[in-house]
C-alpha atoms as a PDB file:
ATOM      1  CA  MET A   1     -63.838 -21.423 -33.318  1.00  0.00           C
ATOM      2  CA  ARG A   2     -62.391 -24.709 -32.010  1.00  0.00           C
ATOM      3  CA  HIS A   3     -61.427 -24.638 -28.357  1.00  0.00           C
ATOM      4  CA  ARG A   4     -58.551 -26.806 -27.246  1.00  0.00           C
ATOM      5  CA  SER A   5     -58.185 -28.317 -23.812  1.00  0.00           C
ATOM      6  CA  GLY A   6     -55.085 -27.671 -21.714  1.00  0.00           C
ATOM      7  CA  LEU A   7     -53.934 -31.229 -22.472  1.00  0.00           C
ATOM      8  CA  GLU A   8     -54.306 -30.673 -26.221  1.00  0.00           C
ATOM      9  CA  MET A   9     -52.332 -27.416 -25.970  1.00  0.00           C
ATOM     10  CA  SER A  10     -49.575 -29.149 -23.981  1.00  0.00           C
ATOM     11  CA  LEU A  11     -49.377 -31.947 -26.536  1.00  0.00           C
ATOM     12  CA  LEU A  12     -49.234 -29.480 -29.418  1.00  0.00           C
ATOM     13  CA  PHE A  13     -46.465 -27.544 -27.658  1.00  0.00           C
ATOM     14  CA  THR A  14     -44.545 -30.781 -26.985  1.00  0.00           C
ATOM     15  CA  LEU A  15     -44.911 -31.899 -30.597  1.00  0.00           C
ATOM     16  CA  ALA A  16     -43.773 -28.510 -31.880  1.00  0.00           C
ATOM     17  CA  CYS A  17     -40.702 -28.555 -29.638  1.00  0.00           C
ATOM     18  CA  SER A  18     -39.790 -32.174 -30.355  1.00  0.00           C
ATOM     19  CA  SER A  19     -38.873 -31.321 -33.950  1.00  0.00           C
ATOM     20  CA  ALA A  20     -36.170 -28.902 -32.780  1.00  0.00           C
ATOM     21  CA  PRO A  21     -32.554 -30.043 -32.506  1.00  0.00           C
ATOM     22  CA  PRO A  22     -31.703 -31.245 -28.951  1.00  0.00           C
ATOM     23  CA  GLN A  23     -29.474 -28.231 -28.208  1.00  0.00           C
ATOM     24  CA  GLN A  24     -32.181 -25.797 -29.306  1.00  0.00           C
ATOM     25  CA  LEU A  25     -34.847 -27.551 -27.251  1.00  0.00           C
ATOM     26  CA  ALA A  26     -32.740 -27.427 -24.098  1.00  0.00           C
ATOM     27  CA  ARG A  27     -31.997 -23.724 -24.548  1.00  0.00           C
ATOM     28  CA  ASP A  28     -35.608 -22.825 -25.466  1.00  0.00           C
ATOM     29  CA  SER A  29     -37.112 -24.779 -22.581  1.00  0.00           C
ATOM     30  CA  LEU A  30     -35.498 -22.351 -20.148  1.00  0.00           C
ATOM     31  CA  ILE A  31     -37.246 -19.310 -21.606  1.00  0.00           C
ATOM     32  CA  VAL A  32     -40.646 -20.707 -22.543  1.00  0.00           C
ATOM     33  CA  SER A  33     -43.426 -18.390 -21.436  1.00  0.00           C
ATOM     34  CA  PRO A  34     -47.087 -19.297 -20.979  1.00  0.00           C
ATOM     35  CA  PRO A  35     -49.195 -19.214 -24.129  1.00  0.00           C
ATOM     36  CA  ALA A  36     -50.752 -15.878 -25.022  1.00  0.00           C
ATOM     37  CA  HIS A  37     -54.175 -17.546 -24.994  1.00  0.00           C
ATOM     38  CA  GLU A  38     -55.188 -20.436 -22.771  1.00  0.00           C
ATOM     39  CA  PHE A  39     -58.616 -21.376 -21.484  1.00  0.00           C
ATOM     40  CA  ALA A  40     -58.494 -24.635 -19.545  1.00  0.00           C
ATOM     41  CA  PHE A  41     -59.811 -26.354 -16.449  1.00  0.00           C
ATOM     42  CA  ARG A  42     -57.369 -27.766 -13.890  1.00  0.00           C
ATOM     43  CA  SER A  43     -60.062 -29.374 -11.706  1.00  0.00           C
ATOM     44  CA  PRO A  44     -62.368 -31.168 -11.492  1.00  0.00           C
ATOM     45  CA  SER A  45     -61.295 -33.790 -14.012  1.00  0.00           C
ATOM     46  CA  ALA A  46     -63.126 -36.667 -15.700  1.00  0.00           C
ATOM     47  CA  ARG A  47     -62.064 -39.120 -12.984  1.00  0.00           C
ATOM     48  CA  ASP A  48     -63.445 -37.004 -10.103  1.00  0.00           C
ATOM     49  CA  THR A  49     -66.590 -37.770  -8.106  1.00  0.00           C
ATOM     50  CA  LEU A  50     -68.151 -34.940  -6.124  1.00  0.00           C
ATOM     51  CA  VAL A  51     -70.700 -35.470  -3.348  1.00  0.00           C
ATOM     52  CA  GLU A  52     -73.717 -33.246  -2.722  1.00  0.00           C
ATOM     53  CA  GLY A  53     -73.237 -31.127   0.403  1.00  0.00           C
ATOM     54  CA  ARG A  54     -69.408 -31.176   0.246  1.00  0.00           C
ATOM     55  CA  SER A  55     -67.056 -28.389  -0.901  1.00  0.00           C
ATOM     56  CA  TYR A  56     -64.572 -28.666  -3.755  1.00  0.00           C
ATOM     57  CA  LEU A  57     -62.013 -26.388  -5.374  1.00  0.00           C
ATOM     58  CA  ILE A  58     -62.669 -25.628  -9.039  1.00  0.00           C
ATOM     59  CA  ARG A  59     -59.451 -24.411 -10.713  1.00  0.00           C
ATOM     60  CA  TRP A  60     -58.806 -22.963 -14.162  1.00  0.00           C
ATOM     61  CA  VAL A  61     -56.547 -20.856 -16.369  1.00  0.00           C
ATOM     62  CA  ALA A  62     -58.110 -18.026 -18.375  1.00  0.00           C
ATOM     63  CA  VAL A  63     -55.613 -15.936 -20.324  1.00  0.00           C
ATOM     64  CA  PRO A  64     -56.239 -13.153 -21.533  1.00  0.00           C
ATOM     65  CA  ALA A  65     -59.855 -12.718 -20.353  1.00  0.00           C
ATOM     66  CA  LYS A  66     -60.647  -9.590 -18.352  1.00  0.00           C
ATOM     67  CA  ARG A  67     -63.902 -10.894 -16.878  1.00  0.00           C
ATOM     68  CA  LEU A  68     -65.120 -14.482 -16.449  1.00  0.00           C
ATOM     69  CA  ASN A  69     -68.367 -16.394 -16.241  1.00  0.00           C
ATOM     70  CA  LEU A  70     -68.476 -19.911 -14.804  1.00  0.00           C
ATOM     71  CA  GLY A  71     -71.536 -22.047 -15.435  1.00  0.00           C
ATOM     72  CA  VAL A  72     -72.563 -25.606 -14.640  1.00  0.00           C
ATOM     73  CA  ALA A  73     -74.683 -28.073 -16.632  1.00  0.00           C
ATOM     74  CA  MET A  74     -75.970 -31.589 -16.073  1.00  0.00           C
ATOM     75  CA  GLY A  75     -77.051 -33.871 -18.894  1.00  0.00           C
ATOM     76  CA  GLY A  76     -77.081 -30.976 -21.348  1.00  0.00           C
ATOM     77  CA  LYS A  77     -79.341 -28.868 -19.120  1.00  0.00           C
ATOM     78  CA  ASP A  78     -78.105 -25.508 -17.894  1.00  0.00           C
ATOM     79  CA  LYS A  79     -77.985 -25.440 -14.072  1.00  0.00           C
ATOM     80  CA  GLY A  80     -76.969 -21.768 -13.822  1.00  0.00           C
ATOM     81  CA  PHE A  81     -73.893 -19.677 -13.180  1.00  0.00           C
ATOM     82  CA  LEU A  82     -71.481 -20.005 -10.279  1.00  0.00           C
ATOM     83  CA  LEU A  83     -69.725 -16.749 -11.273  1.00  0.00           C
ATOM     84  CA  VAL A  84     -70.778 -13.844 -13.495  1.00  0.00           C
ATOM     85  CA  GLY A  85     -68.380 -11.078 -14.539  1.00  0.00           C
ATOM     86  CA  ALA A  86     -65.679 -12.189 -12.090  1.00  0.00           C
ATOM     87  CA  PRO A  87     -62.269 -10.484 -12.404  1.00  0.00           C
ATOM     88  CA  ALA A  88     -59.738 -12.305 -14.584  1.00  0.00           C
ATOM     89  CA  GLY A  89     -57.177 -12.604 -11.787  1.00  0.00           C
ATOM     90  CA  LEU A  90     -59.453 -15.144 -10.164  1.00  0.00           C
ATOM     91  CA  ASP A  91     -58.311 -18.705 -10.937  1.00  0.00           C
ATOM     92  CA  SER A  92     -60.352 -20.811  -8.527  1.00  0.00           C
ATOM     93  CA  LEU A  93     -63.638 -21.095  -6.691  1.00  0.00           C
ATOM     94  CA  ARG A  94     -64.617 -23.175  -3.674  1.00  0.00           C
ATOM     95  CA  TRP A  95     -68.017 -24.663  -4.559  1.00  0.00           C
ATOM     96  CA  THR A  96     -70.294 -26.504  -2.167  1.00  0.00           C
ATOM     97  CA  VAL A  97     -72.418 -28.833  -4.290  1.00  0.00           C
ATOM     98  CA  PRO A  98     -75.997 -28.111  -3.241  1.00  0.00           C
ATOM     99  CA  ILE A  99     -77.972 -30.935  -1.644  1.00  0.00           C
ATOM    100  CA  GLY A 100     -80.449 -32.004  -4.309  1.00  0.00           C
ATOM    101  CA  PHE A 101     -78.269 -30.848  -7.214  1.00  0.00           C
ATOM    102  CA  VAL A 102     -78.650 -34.342  -8.723  1.00  0.00           C
ATOM    103  CA  THR A 103     -80.918 -36.175  -6.277  1.00  0.00           C
ATOM    104  CA  GLY A 104     -83.576 -33.476  -6.404  1.00  0.00           C
ATOM    105  CA  PHE A 105     -84.493 -34.816  -9.852  1.00  0.00           C
ATOM    106  CA  GLY A 106     -84.750 -38.468  -8.777  1.00  0.00           C
ATOM    107  CA  PRO A 107     -81.430 -40.097  -9.751  1.00  0.00           C
ATOM    108  CA  THR A 108     -78.837 -40.950  -7.096  1.00  0.00           C
ATOM    109  CA  SER A 109     -75.946 -39.760  -9.305  1.00  0.00           C
ATOM    110  CA  SER A 110     -75.016 -38.264 -12.656  1.00  0.00           C
ATOM    111  CA  ASP A 111     -71.877 -38.756 -14.737  1.00  0.00           C
ATOM    112  CA  GLN A 112     -72.981 -36.012 -17.128  1.00  0.00           C
ATOM    113  CA  VAL A 113     -71.960 -32.909 -15.158  1.00  0.00           C
ATOM    114  CA  ARG A 114     -69.651 -30.326 -16.722  1.00  0.00           C
ATOM    115  CA  LEU A 115     -68.521 -26.768 -16.181  1.00  0.00           C
ATOM    116  CA  ARG A 116     -68.212 -23.978 -18.745  1.00  0.00           C
ATOM    117  CA  LEU A 117     -65.692 -21.154 -18.404  1.00  0.00           C
ATOM    118  CA  GLU A 118     -66.443 -18.134 -20.562  1.00  0.00           C
ATOM    119  CA  ASN A 119     -64.692 -14.915 -21.403  1.00  0.00           C
ATOM    120  CA  ALA A 120     -67.478 -12.527 -20.331  1.00  0.00           C
ATOM    121  CA  ASP A 121     -66.333  -9.990 -22.949  1.00  0.00           C
ATOM    122  CA  ASP A 122     -66.213 -12.434 -25.895  1.00  0.00           C
ATOM    123  CA  PRO A 123     -69.035 -14.994 -26.223  1.00  0.00           C
ATOM    124  CA  ASN A 124     -66.943 -16.986 -28.738  1.00  0.00           C
ATOM    125  CA  ASP A 125     -64.175 -17.612 -26.194  1.00  0.00           C
ATOM    126  CA  TRP A 126     -65.101 -20.486 -23.849  1.00  0.00           C
ATOM    127  CA  VAL A 127     -64.141 -23.996 -22.786  1.00  0.00           C
ATOM    128  CA  ASP A 128     -66.053 -26.901 -21.252  1.00  0.00           C
ATOM    129  CA  SER A 129     -64.593 -29.135 -18.552  1.00  0.00           C
ATOM    130  CA  ASP A 130     -64.448 -32.881 -18.920  1.00  0.00           C
ATOM    131  CA  ARG A 131     -67.634 -34.538 -17.695  1.00  0.00           C
ATOM    132  CA  PHE A 132     -67.410 -35.614 -14.053  1.00  0.00           C
ATOM    133  CA  VAL A 133     -69.674 -37.356 -11.530  1.00  0.00           C
ATOM    134  CA  ILE A 134     -71.830 -35.942  -8.745  1.00  0.00           C
ATOM    135  CA  ILE A 135     -73.457 -38.367  -6.299  1.00  0.00           C
ATOM    136  CA  GLY A 136     -76.047 -37.842  -3.598  1.00  0.00           C
ATOM    137  CA  ALA A 137     -74.903 -37.296  -0.032  1.00  0.00           C
ATOM    138  CA  PRO A 138     -74.757 -40.533   1.980  1.00  0.00           C
ATOM    139  CA  PRO A 139     -77.594 -40.921   4.505  1.00  0.00           C
ATOM    140  CA  LYS A 140     -76.769 -39.784   8.023  1.00  0.00           C
END
């Protein structure tokens, strides 16, 4: 199963609508409802840099999942779950990046960090975030 990012879904929707006559597009744009299925991250994005020891808001859309899992990986290595079996109504999590998350392994930063959002009831329904950066906390 190929999973599409929110941006890909938006582009596909835009392309599908752009072939409609202008009058139809204007009328339809007023009644467009969210897609029946969307798994996508809102934040963090590929251009974000997170710092160990600081808190950040992770945001997502997960329709129609009933329960969610949220995991984190660095450089292809599983770093564990942030959420397991969370209710579907949840669309965000405030995460404090643990001190040593990256620096505990020697490097001062990693640009190979990503999140995975999973439908806890369907192992084939998941999406990965864009890769983002985590850096060590500045010395005090």
